[in-house]
Amino acid sequence: MKVMKEYKVGDHLVHETNGVCTVDEIKEMALAGRGSEKLYYILAPVYHSKSQVVTPVQSDKVRVRDVKPKEELEKLYDEVLELDLIEADNDRQRGEKYKEKISCFEPIELARIVKTVYTRRLLRIKEGKKVMAQDEKMLDIAGKKLFEEMAFSFNEDIEDVKDKFLSRITIE
């Protein structure tokens, strides 16, 4: 069992699937059929007010992390042009690489996915081809996670952050 950083009620963190959350409560619970009681965070996603997330304080899998500092996320704007595109031999392999990078839920990897997918979209449109559904799905997932964290950290609107980030991605 990994010892994760412990958070307090009121702290903000990033949850692996629900993005930026506020710790609403920390309590012991016995989830159905799981046996003994464990300590859980009760989280409120910042951008999805009607939902609640329950995640263990201690787990074998890292499920939460600190919100990245504003300075670190601002660097992504400047570094987007230098980020390597994700290379793959075929769509299936590309999809696997996207999923692997999404699961680590680190902003730099999410930014690489967004850049790769958005670049592919621009190229396909330029060539008169249809945009790939898998790419659009991955752009939605990775973009949502990345742009929500950036918007929270910058105290800005998600769409403004998204537009500013995507406007930096160009093709020849």
Protein backbone atom coordinates (compact mmCIF):
# COMPACT_ATOMS: atom_id res chain seq x y z
CA MET A 1 0.00 0.00 0.00
CA LYS A 2 1.45 3.35 -1.10
CA VAL A 3 1.48 6.16 1.38
CA MET A 4 0.02 9.11 -0.44
CA LYS A 5 0.15 12.72 0.61
CA GLU A 6 -2.58 13.43 3.11
CA TYR A 7 -4.97 16.27 2.44
CA LYS A 8 -7.20 18.26 4.79
CA VAL A 9 -10.82 19.33 4.43
CA GLY A 10 -10.89 22.37 2.14
CA ASP A 11 -7.74 21.41 0.21
CA HIS A 12 -7.82 21.27 -3.58
CA LEU A 13 -6.36 18.31 -5.45
CA VAL A 14 -6.58 16.60 -8.82
CA HIS A 15 -8.43 13.26 -8.95
CA GLU A 16 -7.43 10.80 -11.68
CA THR A 17 -10.82 10.80 -13.42
CA ASN A 18 -12.73 13.74 -11.96
CA GLY A 19 -10.16 16.50 -12.27
CA VAL A 20 -9.84 19.34 -9.77
CA CYS A 21 -11.74 18.60 -6.56
CA THR A 22 -12.20 20.06 -3.11
CA VAL A 23 -11.84 17.77 -0.11
CA ASP A 24 -15.28 18.06 1.53
CA GLU A 25 -14.85 15.42 4.17
CA ILE A 26 -12.54 12.68 5.41
CA LYS A 27 -14.25 9.76 7.09
CA GLU A 28 -14.05 6.09 7.88
CA MET A 29 -16.41 3.93 5.91
CA ALA A 30 -16.95 0.28 5.10
CA LEU A 31 -17.88 0.12 1.43
CA ALA A 32 -20.27 -2.70 0.56
CA GLY A 33 -18.61 -6.10 0.69
CA ARG A 34 -15.11 -4.73 1.14
CA GLY A 35 -14.62 -5.78 4.74
CA SER A 36 -13.04 -3.55 7.33
CA GLU A 37 -13.44 0.18 7.48
CA LYS A 38 -10.96 2.45 5.74
CA LEU A 39 -10.41 6.18 5.63
CA TYR A 40 -11.82 7.90 2.54
CA TYR A 41 -11.78 11.35 1.01
CA ILE A 42 -15.19 12.68 0.04
CA LEU A 43 -14.42 15.00 -2.87
CA ALA A 44 -16.48 17.60 -4.67
CA PRO A 45 -15.38 18.12 -8.29
CA VAL A 46 -14.94 21.86 -8.85
CA TYR A 47 -16.39 21.86 -12.38
CA HIS A 48 -19.11 19.24 -11.84
CA SER A 49 -21.04 20.50 -8.83
CA LYS A 50 -23.70 17.82 -8.79
CA SER A 51 -21.28 14.93 -8.31
CA GLN A 52 -19.30 13.53 -5.42
CA VAL A 53 -16.22 11.30 -5.46
CA VAL A 54 -15.19 8.83 -2.78
CA THR A 55 -11.57 7.70 -2.94
CA PRO A 56 -9.37 5.97 -0.35
CA VAL A 57 -6.84 8.02 1.59
CA GLN A 58 -4.35 5.13 1.21
CA SER A 59 -4.28 3.02 -1.94
CA ASP A 60 -2.04 0.80 -4.06
CA LYS A 61 -2.76 3.12 -6.97
CA VAL A 62 -2.15 6.86 -6.99
CA ARG A 63 -5.59 8.38 -7.48
CA VAL A 64 -4.97 11.99 -6.42
CA ARG A 65 -2.19 14.56 -6.65
CA ASP A 66 -1.60 18.22 -5.93
CA VAL A 67 -2.90 20.84 -8.34
CA LYS A 68 0.15 21.96 -10.30
CA PRO A 69 1.41 25.47 -9.52
CA LYS A 70 0.35 28.28 -11.86
CA GLU A 71 3.95 28.84 -13.00
CA GLU A 72 4.37 25.21 -14.07
CA LEU A 73 1.12 25.23 -16.04
CA GLU A 74 1.88 28.60 -17.65
CA LYS A 75 5.08 27.08 -19.04
CA LEU A 76 2.90 24.70 -21.10
CA TYR A 77 1.74 27.68 -23.18
CA ASP A 78 5.34 28.52 -24.01
CA GLU A 79 6.47 24.92 -24.48
CA VAL A 80 3.56 23.66 -26.59
CA LEU A 81 5.51 24.11 -29.83
CA GLU A 82 8.44 22.08 -28.45
CA LEU A 83 6.30 19.19 -27.19
CA ASP A 84 6.86 15.99 -29.17
CA LEU A 85 3.89 14.54 -30.96
CA ILE A 86 2.87 11.04 -29.92
CA GLU A 87 4.02 8.67 -32.67
CA ALA A 88 2.27 5.39 -33.45
CA ASP A 89 2.21 2.89 -36.31
CA ASN A 90 -1.58 2.65 -36.41
CA ASP A 91 -4.79 3.95 -34.85
CA ARG A 92 -5.06 1.11 -32.33
CA GLN A 93 -1.53 1.67 -31.07
CA ARG A 94 -2.12 5.43 -30.97
CA GLY A 95 -5.27 4.89 -28.90
CA GLU A 96 -3.35 2.71 -26.43
CA LYS A 97 -0.64 5.35 -26.07
CA TYR A 98 -3.28 8.05 -25.47
CA LYS A 99 -4.97 5.94 -22.77
CA GLU A 100 -1.65 5.23 -21.08
CA LYS A 101 -0.79 8.93 -20.95
CA ILE A 102 -4.26 9.92 -19.76
CA SER A 103 -4.04 7.42 -16.90
CA CYS A 104 -0.91 9.10 -15.51
CA PHE A 105 -2.92 12.37 -15.45
CA GLU A 106 0.11 14.65 -15.65
CA PRO A 107 -0.40 17.99 -17.45
CA ILE A 108 2.65 17.63 -19.71
CA GLU A 109 1.38 14.28 -21.05
CA LEU A 110 -2.16 15.61 -21.43
CA ALA A 111 -0.72 18.57 -23.35
CA ARG A 112 1.14 16.15 -25.66
CA ILE A 113 -2.11 14.32 -26.40
CA VAL A 114 -3.95 17.58 -27.06
CA LYS A 115 -1.17 18.81 -29.35
CA THR A 116 -0.98 15.49 -31.22
CA VAL A 117 -4.73 15.17 -31.73
CA TYR A 118 -5.23 18.83 -32.61
CA THR A 119 -2.34 18.71 -35.10
CA ARG A 120 -3.80 15.56 -36.67
CA ARG A 121 -7.18 17.31 -36.89
CA LEU A 122 -5.70 20.36 -38.63
CA LEU A 123 -3.77 18.17 -41.09
CA ARG A 124 -6.80 16.00 -41.91
CA ILE A 125 -8.98 19.07 -42.50
CA LYS A 126 -6.27 20.62 -44.69
CA GLU A 127 -6.13 17.35 -46.72
CA GLY A 128 -9.93 17.30 -47.08
CA LYS A 129 -10.29 14.21 -44.87
CA LYS A 130 -12.75 13.55 -42.07
CA VAL A 131 -11.62 14.06 -38.50
CA MET A 132 -11.14 10.75 -36.66
CA ALA A 133 -13.78 9.99 -33.99
CA GLN A 134 -11.15 8.37 -31.73
CA ASP A 135 -9.03 11.52 -31.92
CA GLU A 136 -11.99 13.74 -31.04
CA LYS A 137 -12.82 11.52 -28.05
CA MET A 138 -9.23 11.67 -26.80
CA LEU A 139 -9.11 15.44 -27.33
CA ASP A 140 -12.27 15.77 -25.23
CA ILE A 141 -10.91 13.59 -22.40
CA ALA A 142 -7.34 14.90 -22.26
CA GLY A 143 -8.38 18.48 -23.03
CA LYS A 144 -11.02 18.52 -20.32
CA LYS A 145 -8.53 17.37 -17.69
CA LEU A 146 -5.78 19.71 -18.84
CA PHE A 147 -7.87 22.83 -19.41
CA GLU A 148 -9.86 22.47 -16.17
CA GLU A 149 -6.66 22.27 -14.11
CA MET A 150 -5.13 25.19 -15.98
CA ALA A 151 -8.30 27.28 -15.63
CA PHE A 152 -8.50 26.53 -11.91
CA SER A 153 -4.85 27.37 -11.34
CA PHE A 154 -5.07 30.59 -13.39
CA ASN A 155 -8.54 31.51 -12.06
CA GLU A 156 -9.70 31.87 -15.67
CA ASP A 157 -12.50 30.53 -17.83
CA ILE A 158 -11.96 27.02 -19.24
CA GLU A 159 -12.84 28.06 -22.80
CA ASP A 160 -10.40 30.98 -22.66
CA VAL A 161 -7.59 28.69 -21.52
CA LYS A 162 -8.48 26.14 -24.20
CA ASP A 163 -8.60 28.76 -26.97
CA LYS A 164 -5.27 30.28 -25.90
CA PHE A 165 -3.60 26.85 -25.78
CA LEU A 166 -4.99 25.60 -29.10
CA SER A 167 -4.20 28.88 -30.87
CA ARG A 168 -0.50 28.15 -30.31
CA ILE A 169 -0.70 24.89 -32.28
CA THR A 170 -0.08 25.39 -35.98
CA ILE A 171 0.79 23.30 -38.99
CA GLU A 172 3.06 24.14 -41.91
